[in-house]
Protein backbone atom coordinates (compact mmCIF):
# COMPACT_ATOMS: atom_id res chain seq x y z
CA MET A 1 -16.25 -33.14 14.14
CA ALA A 2 -19.58 -31.86 15.98
CA MET A 3 -17.06 -30.39 18.84
CA VAL A 4 -15.18 -28.76 16.24
CA LEU A 5 -18.38 -27.22 14.74
CA ALA A 6 -19.71 -26.25 18.33
CA ILE A 7 -16.49 -24.57 19.14
CA LEU A 8 -16.51 -22.71 15.72
CA LEU A 9 -19.93 -21.58 16.36
CA PHE A 10 -19.27 -20.56 19.91
CA PHE A 11 -16.51 -18.26 18.86
CA THR A 12 -18.30 -16.54 15.96
CA VAL A 13 -21.38 -15.78 18.17
CA THR A 14 -19.10 -14.58 20.62
CA LEU A 15 -17.28 -12.50 18.26
CA VAL A 16 -20.13 -11.09 16.65
CA VAL A 17 -22.07 -10.34 20.08
CA PHE A 18 -18.97 -8.50 21.43
CA SER A 19 -18.23 -6.28 18.14
CA PHE A 20 -22.33 -5.33 18.14
CA GLY A 21 -22.02 -4.54 21.72
CA ALA A 22 -19.03 -2.30 21.70
CA ALA A 23 -20.28 -0.73 18.50
CA VAL A 24 -23.38 0.05 20.52
CA TYR A 25 -22.18 1.36 23.86
CA SER A 26 -19.05 3.28 22.78
CA PRO A 27 -19.49 6.96 23.51
CA SER A 28 -18.24 7.99 19.50
CA SER A 29 -20.49 5.31 17.94
CA VAL A 30 -22.79 6.27 15.23
CA LEU A 31 -24.67 2.93 15.73
CA GLY A 32 -25.01 3.64 19.27
CA SER A 33 -26.30 7.00 18.66
CA ARG A 34 -28.73 5.77 16.13
CA LEU A 35 -30.32 3.11 18.58
CA ARG A 36 -30.60 5.59 21.32
CA SER A 37 -32.34 8.27 19.28
CA LEU A 38 -34.57 5.59 17.44
CA GLY A 39 -37.58 6.38 20.17
CA GLY A 40 -37.80 9.70 19.36
CA GLN A 41 -36.82 10.36 15.92
CA ARG A 42 -39.34 9.49 13.37
CA THR A 43 -37.72 10.65 10.07
CA GLN A 44 -35.19 8.44 8.37
CA ARG A 45 -31.75 9.13 8.67
CA GLN A 46 -28.97 8.45 6.21
CA LYS A 47 -27.12 5.12 7.11
CA PRO A 48 -23.73 5.34 7.97
CA ALA A 49 -21.25 4.52 5.27
CA PHE A 50 -19.41 1.23 4.67
CA LYS A 51 -16.28 2.47 5.77
CA GLU A 52 -17.79 3.60 9.06
CA ARG A 53 -19.27 0.32 9.77
CA LEU A 54 -16.31 -1.35 9.03
CA GLU A 55 -14.50 0.97 11.55
CA GLN A 56 -16.92 0.16 14.05
CA ALA A 57 -16.90 -3.29 13.53
CA LEU A 58 -13.09 -3.53 13.72
CA ASP A 59 -12.31 -1.13 16.50
CA PRO A 60 -12.78 -3.59 19.45
CA LEU A 61 -10.30 -5.87 17.23
CA SER A 62 -7.81 -3.55 16.85
CA LYS A 63 -7.61 -2.87 20.54
CA ALA A 64 -6.91 -6.41 20.99
CA ILE A 65 -3.43 -6.49 20.65
CA PRO A 66 -1.48 -4.13 22.82
CA LEU A 67 0.74 -1.77 20.72
CA SER A 68 3.61 0.18 21.43
CA PRO A 69 3.68 4.22 20.59
CA SER A 70 6.78 3.47 18.40
CA GLU A 71 4.38 0.64 16.89
CA VAL A 72 1.48 2.98 16.12
CA SER A 73 3.51 5.70 14.77
CA ARG A 74 5.20 3.02 12.47
CA ALA A 75 2.22 1.84 11.35
CA ARG A 76 0.81 5.46 10.57
CA GLN A 77 3.76 6.02 9.03
CA TRP A 78 3.12 3.30 6.53
CA LEU A 79 -0.19 4.22 6.13
CA ILE A 80 0.13 7.94 5.31
CA GLN A 81 2.96 6.49 2.66
CA ALA A 82 0.29 4.65 1.16
CA GLY A 83 -2.08 7.41 1.04
CA TYR A 84 -4.30 6.69 4.23
CA ARG A 85 -4.16 9.81 6.42
CA ASP A 86 -7.02 9.12 8.80
CA ARG A 87 -7.31 8.01 12.01
CA ARG A 88 -9.76 5.33 11.07
CA HIS A 89 -7.55 3.74 8.66
CA LEU A 90 -5.15 2.82 11.67
CA THR A 91 -7.90 1.12 13.21
CA ILE A 92 -9.06 -0.80 10.09
CA TYR A 93 -5.56 -1.93 9.25
CA VAL A 94 -4.78 -3.40 12.93
CA GLY A 95 -8.30 -4.75 13.06
CA SER A 96 -8.04 -6.48 9.66
CA ARG A 97 -4.90 -8.03 11.12
CA VAL A 98 -6.44 -9.49 13.87
CA LEU A 99 -9.44 -10.89 11.94
CA LEU A 100 -7.99 -12.37 9.35
CA ALA A 101 -5.37 -14.33 11.83
CA PHE A 102 -8.49 -15.51 13.78
CA VAL A 103 -10.43 -16.15 10.78
CA GLY A 104 -7.33 -18.61 9.69
CA LEU A 105 -7.14 -19.99 12.72
CA MET A 106 -10.99 -20.94 12.91
CA THR A 107 -11.10 -22.14 9.42
CA VAL A 108 -7.87 -24.82 9.90
CA ILE A 109 -9.64 -25.99 13.10
CA ALA A 110 -13.02 -26.41 11.33
CA ILE A 111 -11.25 -28.39 8.44
CA SER A 112 -8.68 -30.63 10.09
CA GLY A 113 -9.23 -29.96 13.73
CA ALA A 114 -7.11 -28.76 16.53
CA LYS A 115 -4.47 -31.68 15.79
CA SER A 116 -1.98 -29.96 13.42
CA MET A 117 -0.63 -27.00 15.89
CA PRO A 118 2.26 -25.85 13.25
CA LEU A 119 -0.45 -25.91 10.64
CA MET A 120 -2.53 -23.52 12.44
CA ILE A 121 0.26 -21.21 13.22
CA SER A 122 1.22 -20.53 10.27
CA VAL A 123 -2.48 -19.82 8.89
CA ALA A 124 -2.73 -17.36 11.79
CA ALA A 125 0.60 -15.87 10.81
CA PHE A 126 -0.04 -15.80 7.31
CA GLY A 127 -3.48 -14.03 8.25
CA PHE A 128 -1.96 -11.75 10.58
CA PHE A 129 0.45 -10.43 8.37
CA LEU A 130 -1.36 -10.43 4.81
CA PRO A 131 -2.48 -6.63 5.49
CA ARG A 132 1.27 -5.83 5.97
CA PHE A 133 2.30 -7.29 2.61
CA ALA A 134 -0.47 -5.57 1.04
CA LEU A 135 0.23 -2.40 2.34
CA LYS A 136 3.71 -2.48 1.49
CA ARG A 137 2.77 -3.03 -2.14
CA LEU A 138 0.51 -0.20 -2.09
CA ILE A 139 3.56 1.95 -0.68
CA LYS A 140 5.87 0.78 -3.51
CA LYS A 141 2.95 1.32 -6.03
CA ARG A 142 2.39 4.99 -4.91
CA GLN A 143 6.07 5.62 -4.65
CA ASN A 144 6.48 4.57 -8.24
CA GLN A 145 3.43 6.61 -9.28
CA ILE A 146 5.44 9.68 -7.68
CA THR A 147 8.64 8.87 -9.32
CA LEU A 148 7.05 8.77 -12.54
CA GLY A 149 5.41 12.25 -12.09
CA LEU A 150 7.92 14.15 -10.59
CA PRO A 151 10.17 15.34 -13.67
CA ASP A 152 6.96 16.64 -15.28
CA ALA A 153 6.02 18.49 -12.09
CA LEU A 154 9.77 19.99 -11.99
CA ASP A 155 9.16 21.25 -15.44
CA LEU A 156 5.86 23.00 -14.97
CA THR A 157 7.54 24.24 -11.53
CA VAL A 158 10.36 25.69 -13.27
CA ILE A 159 8.14 27.30 -15.83
CA CYS A 160 5.83 29.16 -13.34
CA VAL A 161 8.82 30.20 -11.17
CA GLU A 162 10.44 31.66 -14.42
CA ALA A 163 7.07 33.56 -15.25
CA GLY A 164 7.13 35.49 -11.83
CA LEU A 165 5.49 33.29 -9.61
CA ALA A 166 6.75 32.47 -6.15
CA LEU A 167 7.78 29.07 -4.99
CA ASP A 168 4.58 28.56 -3.02
CA GLN A 169 2.37 29.82 -5.59
CA ALA A 170 4.17 27.69 -8.41
CA LEU A 171 3.67 24.45 -6.25
CA MET A 172 -0.07 25.30 -5.72
CA ARG A 173 -0.45 25.68 -9.31
CA VAL A 174 1.57 22.84 -10.56
CA GLY A 175 -0.44 20.61 -8.29
CA GLU A 176 -3.88 21.81 -9.88
CA ASP A 177 -2.33 21.02 -13.15
CA LEU A 178 -1.42 17.32 -12.31
CA ARG A 179 -4.66 16.82 -10.68
CA HIS A 180 -5.55 14.15 -13.42
CA ALA A 181 -2.03 13.18 -14.64
CA HIS A 182 -0.23 12.44 -11.64
CA PRO A 183 -2.92 12.60 -8.77
CA GLU A 184 -0.70 11.27 -5.77
CA LEU A 185 1.73 13.64 -6.32
CA SER A 186 -0.78 16.48 -6.91
CA ASP A 187 -2.35 15.66 -3.54
CA GLU A 188 1.43 15.85 -1.56
CA PHE A 189 1.56 19.37 -3.34
CA HIS A 190 -1.67 20.60 -1.85
CA MET A 191 -0.67 19.08 1.59
CA VAL A 192 2.70 21.20 1.50
CA ASN A 193 0.52 24.26 0.45
CA LEU A 194 -2.02 24.08 3.35
CA GLU A 195 0.78 23.35 5.69
CA MET A 196 2.58 26.65 4.52
CA ARG A 197 -0.89 28.28 4.87
CA ALA A 198 -1.51 27.07 8.54
CA GLY A 199 1.93 28.77 9.04
CA LYS A 200 4.39 26.38 9.10
CA PRO A 201 7.70 27.20 7.66
CA ARG A 202 8.81 26.31 4.07
CA ALA A 203 11.47 24.07 5.12
CA GLU A 204 9.37 22.14 7.55
CA ALA A 205 6.47 21.97 5.11
CA LEU A 206 9.47 20.38 2.68
CA ARG A 207 10.65 18.02 5.38
CA ASN A 208 6.92 16.58 5.75
CA LEU A 209 6.39 16.17 2.16
CA ASN A 210 9.56 13.80 2.41
CA ALA A 211 8.40 11.86 5.38
CA ARG A 212 5.17 11.35 3.80
CA THR A 213 6.60 9.91 0.73
CA GLY A 214 9.34 8.03 1.38
CA VAL A 215 10.70 8.70 -1.94
CA ASP A 216 14.25 8.88 -2.76
CA ASP A 217 14.13 11.53 -5.53
CA ILE A 218 11.49 13.60 -3.40
CA ARG A 219 14.16 13.76 -0.62
CA ALA A 220 16.89 15.25 -2.92
CA LEU A 221 14.17 17.65 -4.06
CA VAL A 222 13.44 18.76 -0.48
CA ALA A 223 17.31 19.27 0.29
CA THR A 224 17.79 21.24 -2.83
CA LEU A 225 14.88 23.57 -1.99
CA VAL A 226 15.86 23.98 1.29
CA GLN A 227 19.42 24.85 0.70
CA THR A 228 18.26 27.18 -2.05
CA ASP A 229 15.74 29.06 0.65
CA ARG A 230 18.82 29.14 3.04
CA PHE A 231 21.63 30.52 0.97
CA GLY A 232 19.29 32.80 -1.48
CA THR A 233 20.25 31.57 -4.97
CA SER A 234 18.22 31.18 -8.01
CA VAL A 235 15.42 28.64 -7.66
CA ALA A 236 14.83 28.17 -11.04
CA GLN A 237 18.39 27.41 -11.64
CA ALA A 238 18.61 25.11 -9.07
CA LEU A 239 15.22 23.26 -10.24
CA ARG A 240 16.34 23.20 -13.73
CA VAL A 241 19.73 21.52 -12.62
CA HIS A 242 18.06 19.05 -10.25
CA SER A 243 15.48 18.33 -13.27
CA ASP A 244 18.14 17.44 -15.65
CA SER A 245 19.68 15.08 -13.10
CA LEU A 246 16.61 13.40 -12.32
CA ARG A 247 16.19 12.68 -15.94
CA THR A 248 19.58 11.30 -15.84
CA GLU A 249 18.79 9.10 -12.84
CA ARG A 250 15.45 8.01 -14.31
CA ARG A 251 17.10 7.19 -18.02
CA GLN A 252 20.01 5.03 -15.91
CA ARG A 253 17.15 3.34 -14.04
CA ALA A 254 15.99 2.55 -17.48
CA GLU A 255 18.93 1.21 -18.60
CA GLU A 256 19.76 -0.76 -15.57
CA GLN A 257 16.14 -2.47 -15.83
CA ALA A 258 16.67 -3.34 -19.68
CA ALA A 259 20.09 -5.11 -18.60
CA LYS A 260 18.37 -6.74 -15.95
CA THR A 261 15.87 -8.35 -18.52
CA THR A 262 18.16 -10.74 -19.83
CA ILE A 263 19.09 -12.38 -16.63
CA LYS A 264 15.35 -12.66 -15.55
CA MET A 265 14.44 -14.32 -18.67
CA VAL A 266 16.60 -17.10 -18.32
CA VAL A 267 14.58 -18.84 -15.63
CA PRO A 268 11.12 -18.93 -17.84
CA LEU A 269 13.22 -19.92 -20.84
CA VAL A 270 14.67 -22.68 -18.97
CA LEU A 271 11.52 -24.18 -17.22
CA PHE A 272 8.90 -23.39 -20.20
CA VAL A 273 10.58 -22.85 -23.57
CA LEU A 274 13.32 -25.22 -23.29
CA PRO A 275 11.30 -28.69 -22.62
CA SER A 276 9.27 -27.35 -25.41
CA ILE A 277 12.02 -27.27 -27.85
CA ILE A 278 13.61 -30.29 -26.79
CA PHE A 279 10.36 -32.11 -27.06
CA VAL A 280 9.53 -30.97 -30.58
CA THR A 281 13.30 -31.43 -31.74
CA LEU A 282 14.02 -34.93 -30.24
CA GLY A 283 10.50 -36.23 -29.69
CA PRO A 284 9.85 -37.48 -33.56
CA ALA A 285 13.86 -39.21 -33.22
CA ILE A 286 12.86 -40.97 -30.34
CA ILE A 287 9.80 -42.72 -31.50
CA GLN A 288 11.33 -43.65 -34.40
CA LEU A 289 14.23 -45.13 -32.50
CA VAL A 290 11.71 -47.06 -30.17
CA ARG A 291 10.00 -48.10 -33.28
CA THR A 292 12.98 -49.58 -34.95
CA LEU A 293 14.60 -51.27 -31.80
CA ALA A 294 11.44 -52.67 -30.25
CA PRO A 295 11.22 -55.29 -32.27
CA GLU A 296 14.71 -56.08 -32.15
CA ALA A 297 14.59 -56.56 -28.19
CA GLY A 298 11.36 -58.30 -28.47
CA HIS A 299 13.38 -61.17 -30.34
């Protein structure tokens, strides 16, 4: 046990020293610049934010895994779909996977020693894939929020277009109006307007909206807007028709989920409700039967 604790202490100290040294001597490190300017600066500067310090600590760990460009691109795509667009988020994501795998491995070694190799591999793999599972959950939650807010956004867009606004101005106005009710969709509309102001064509900006969200309803909306822009048809009429079809699809999804409720209720009914009913119904009869037959069995 003493040897295991010594190994754990050695790995912990090595990890701390390596992370601190990498944070100090990195050219873009805030901690390093603060330490280098500590001798000539007397005024107290504001401390770096928690996210910056977390990024500096996880940056060496994120470089421990050699990722291919396709894996990096896929991870960045997942982070963008979850609403994390900065470069530091990729560093935090990859570094957290390595850190959790290392912590899980050291925990198993500290508790049970290095005897159970399958347990060590299982716990390390669980810690490595846990951030990915959490990221998938965040993506699904954000996509559901966007799906719920899209019909309201289309109704507002139809009103703005029929009032005389162009599609770009209508998207900007809808994004401002939905800032509090549906912040995810408002943020995506704001990004579309920024890309179009930067000089990107409308079709490319809309396709980027589809890539950032990964929502099927957004994909259908983008296809409708691109075809409308290409053929020169009425935008208001196309949006109104698409809004009606979208509401029909949402009602069909609700009916599908309601139909699945009966099947989903079978498992909790069998596991929790049915045993209680059987115990309450047959319990007194069984007790009375035992009391009646016990004396006879004794003779």
